Amino acid sequence: MAADPAKYRDPVKRAVEHLLEERLEGTEPASQQRWVMIQSQIAICLAEYHLITADKRVLPYLQELHDELVNGLYDDYTGGHFYRVGFHPPDRPTCSPA
């Protein structure tokens, strides 16, 4: 979208609408395995879309993705390929938000 927002606005808007409709909500903790790469790509898409459109509907989902990704980090700020929502191995605790 950065290269030509007018040209890509409609297809990107449809993609964002799909992301918002398919958003995983209400899953039980530790029941949903999430891949870091996918969550990161969705977050980047939503952030870029918000910067161009100022559409505030994406902000709650973006915040949720941020929180999940931060909580998936280990104390040394590394992470794996995936994490389980609400679950962290006891030998690798997550970093605590300040």
C-alpha atoms as a PDB file:
ATOM      1  CA  MET A   1       0.000   0.000   0.000  1.00  0.00           C
ATOM      2  CA  ALA A   2       2.850   2.387   0.639  1.00  0.00           C
ATOM      3  CA  ALA A   3       3.772   2.499  -3.046  1.00  0.00           C
ATOM      4  CA  ASP A   4       0.260   3.364  -4.285  1.00  0.00           C
ATOM      5  CA  PRO A   5      -2.426   3.480  -1.554  1.00  0.00           C
ATOM      6  CA  ALA A   6      -5.266   4.236  -3.974  1.00  0.00           C
ATOM      7  CA  LYS A   7      -4.421   1.251  -6.182  1.00  0.00           C
ATOM      8  CA  TYR A   8      -4.269  -1.291  -3.349  1.00  0.00           C
ATOM      9  CA  ARG A   9      -6.779   0.157  -0.868  1.00  0.00           C
ATOM     10  CA  ASP A  10      -9.748  -2.031  -1.906  1.00  0.00           C
ATOM     11  CA  PRO A  11      -7.945  -5.408  -2.009  1.00  0.00           C
ATOM     12  CA  VAL A  12      -6.131  -4.655   1.248  1.00  0.00           C
ATOM     13  CA  LYS A  13      -9.377  -3.533   2.876  1.00  0.00           C
ATOM     14  CA  ARG A  14     -10.980  -6.846   1.857  1.00  0.00           C
ATOM     15  CA  ALA A  15      -8.020  -8.722   3.341  1.00  0.00           C
ATOM     16  CA  VAL A  16      -8.254  -6.766   6.597  1.00  0.00           C
ATOM     17  CA  GLU A  17     -12.017  -7.356   6.752  1.00  0.00           C
ATOM     18  CA  HIS A  18     -11.312 -11.082   6.387  1.00  0.00           C
ATOM     19  CA  LEU A  19      -8.723 -10.957   9.181  1.00  0.00           C
ATOM     20  CA  LEU A  20     -11.186  -9.198  11.469  1.00  0.00           C
ATOM     21  CA  GLU A  21     -13.948 -11.698  10.662  1.00  0.00           C
ATOM     22  CA  GLU A  22     -11.692 -14.724  11.164  1.00  0.00           C
ATOM     23  CA  ARG A  23     -10.093 -13.410  14.337  1.00  0.00           C
ATOM     24  CA  LEU A  24      -9.691 -16.087  16.977  1.00  0.00           C
ATOM     25  CA  GLU A  25     -11.557 -14.954  20.048  1.00  0.00           C
ATOM     26  CA  GLY A  26     -12.613 -16.670  23.208  1.00  0.00           C
ATOM     27  CA  THR A  27     -10.263 -19.629  22.973  1.00  0.00           C
ATOM     28  CA  GLU A  28      -9.444 -21.421  26.174  1.00  0.00           C
ATOM     29  CA  PRO A  29      -5.940 -20.649  27.489  1.00  0.00           C
ATOM     30  CA  ALA A  30      -3.360 -23.237  26.429  1.00  0.00           C
ATOM     31  CA  SER A  31      -5.747 -24.668  23.844  1.00  0.00           C
ATOM     32  CA  GLN A  32      -4.652 -22.679  20.834  1.00  0.00           C
ATOM     33  CA  GLN A  33      -1.213 -23.097  19.318  1.00  0.00           C
ATOM     34  CA  ARG A  34      -0.176 -19.946  17.479  1.00  0.00           C
ATOM     35  CA  TRP A  35       2.668 -19.560  15.015  1.00  0.00           C
ATOM     36  CA  VAL A  36       4.810 -16.490  15.658  1.00  0.00           C
ATOM     37  CA  MET A  37       5.412 -15.771  11.952  1.00  0.00           C
ATOM     38  CA  ILE A  38       1.714 -15.707  11.111  1.00  0.00           C
ATOM     39  CA  GLN A  39       0.804 -13.576  14.120  1.00  0.00           C
ATOM     40  CA  SER A  40       3.646 -11.174  13.248  1.00  0.00           C
ATOM     41  CA  GLN A  41       2.535 -10.868   9.632  1.00  0.00           C
ATOM     42  CA  ILE A  42      -1.042 -10.153  10.675  1.00  0.00           C
ATOM     43  CA  ALA A  43       0.189  -7.513  13.137  1.00  0.00           C
ATOM     44  CA  ILE A  44       2.287  -5.792  10.460  1.00  0.00           C
ATOM     45  CA  CYS A  45      -0.623  -5.828   8.021  1.00  0.00           C
ATOM     46  CA  LEU A  46      -3.012  -4.328  10.575  1.00  0.00           C
ATOM     47  CA  ALA A  47      -0.493  -1.693  11.682  1.00  0.00           C
ATOM     48  CA  GLU A  48       0.261  -0.597   8.119  1.00  0.00           C
ATOM     49  CA  TYR A  49      -3.446  -0.532   7.293  1.00  0.00           C
ATOM     50  CA  HIS A  50      -4.158   1.601  10.360  1.00  0.00           C
ATOM     51  CA  LEU A  51      -1.370   4.038   9.502  1.00  0.00           C
ATOM     52  CA  ILE A  52      -2.832   4.627   6.052  1.00  0.00           C
ATOM     53  CA  THR A  53      -6.551   4.520   6.847  1.00  0.00           C
ATOM     54  CA  ALA A  54      -6.780   5.443  10.553  1.00  0.00           C
ATOM     55  CA  ASP A  55      -9.370   2.638  10.848  1.00  0.00           C
ATOM     56  CA  LYS A  56      -9.625   2.123  14.604  1.00  0.00           C
ATOM     57  CA  ARG A  57     -11.472  -1.192  14.268  1.00  0.00           C
ATOM     58  CA  VAL A  58      -8.108  -2.947  13.900  1.00  0.00           C
ATOM     59  CA  LEU A  59      -6.655  -1.603  17.151  1.00  0.00           C
ATOM     60  CA  PRO A  60      -8.158  -4.159  19.574  1.00  0.00           C
ATOM     61  CA  TYR A  61      -6.910  -7.050  17.417  1.00  0.00           C
ATOM     62  CA  LEU A  62      -3.518  -5.386  17.029  1.00  0.00           C
ATOM     63  CA  GLN A  63      -3.277  -4.986  20.818  1.00  0.00           C
ATOM     64  CA  GLU A  64      -4.241  -8.646  21.297  1.00  0.00           C
ATOM     65  CA  LEU A  65      -1.543  -9.753  18.858  1.00  0.00           C
ATOM     66  CA  HIS A  66       1.013  -7.527  20.594  1.00  0.00           C
ATOM     67  CA  ASP A  67       0.169  -8.967  23.997  1.00  0.00           C
ATOM     68  CA  GLU A  68       0.327 -12.556  22.743  1.00  0.00           C
ATOM     69  CA  LEU A  69       3.634 -12.036  20.968  1.00  0.00           C
ATOM     70  CA  VAL A  70       5.215 -10.277  23.960  1.00  0.00           C
ATOM     71  CA  ASN A  71       3.993 -12.998  26.308  1.00  0.00           C
ATOM     72  CA  GLY A  72       5.485 -15.605  23.976  1.00  0.00           C
ATOM     73  CA  LEU A  73       8.986 -14.257  24.557  1.00  0.00           C
ATOM     74  CA  TYR A  74      11.404 -15.872  26.942  1.00  0.00           C
ATOM     75  CA  ASP A  75      13.330 -13.898  29.557  1.00  0.00           C
ATOM     76  CA  ASP A  76      16.229 -13.481  27.129  1.00  0.00           C
ATOM     77  CA  TYR A  77      13.799 -11.935  24.563  1.00  0.00           C
ATOM     78  CA  THR A  78      13.978 -14.907  22.232  1.00  0.00           C
ATOM     79  CA  GLY A  79      11.118 -17.127  21.209  1.00  0.00           C
ATOM     80  CA  GLY A  80      10.337 -20.242  19.296  1.00  0.00           C
ATOM     81  CA  HIS A  81       8.438 -20.882  16.108  1.00  0.00           C
ATOM     82  CA  PHE A  82       5.149 -21.107  17.972  1.00  0.00           C
ATOM     83  CA  TYR A  83       3.672 -20.647  21.389  1.00  0.00           C
ATOM     84  CA  ARG A  84       0.546 -21.800  23.148  1.00  0.00           C
ATOM     85  CA  VAL A  85      -1.711 -19.109  24.504  1.00  0.00           C
ATOM     86  CA  GLY A  86      -1.434 -19.144  28.287  1.00  0.00           C
ATOM     87  CA  PHE A  87       1.235 -21.871  28.403  1.00  0.00           C
ATOM     88  CA  HIS A  88       4.969 -21.499  28.912  1.00  0.00           C
ATOM     89  CA  PRO A  89       7.419 -24.255  29.787  1.00  0.00           C
ATOM     90  CA  PRO A  90       8.555 -23.933  33.431  1.00  0.00           C
ATOM     91  CA  ASP A  91      12.216 -23.910  32.438  1.00  0.00           C
ATOM     92  CA  ARG A  92      11.625 -21.002  30.016  1.00  0.00           C
ATOM     93  CA  PRO A  93       9.436 -18.394  31.706  1.00  0.00           C
ATOM     94  CA  THR A  94       8.137 -15.504  29.679  1.00  0.00           C
ATOM     95  CA  CYS A  95       9.278 -11.954  30.151  1.00  0.00           C
ATOM     96  CA  SER A  96       7.102  -9.880  32.423  1.00  0.00           C
ATOM     97  CA  PRO A  97       5.782  -6.565  31.141  1.00  0.00           C
ATOM     98  CA  ALA A  98       7.146  -3.670  33.152  1.00  0.00           C
END
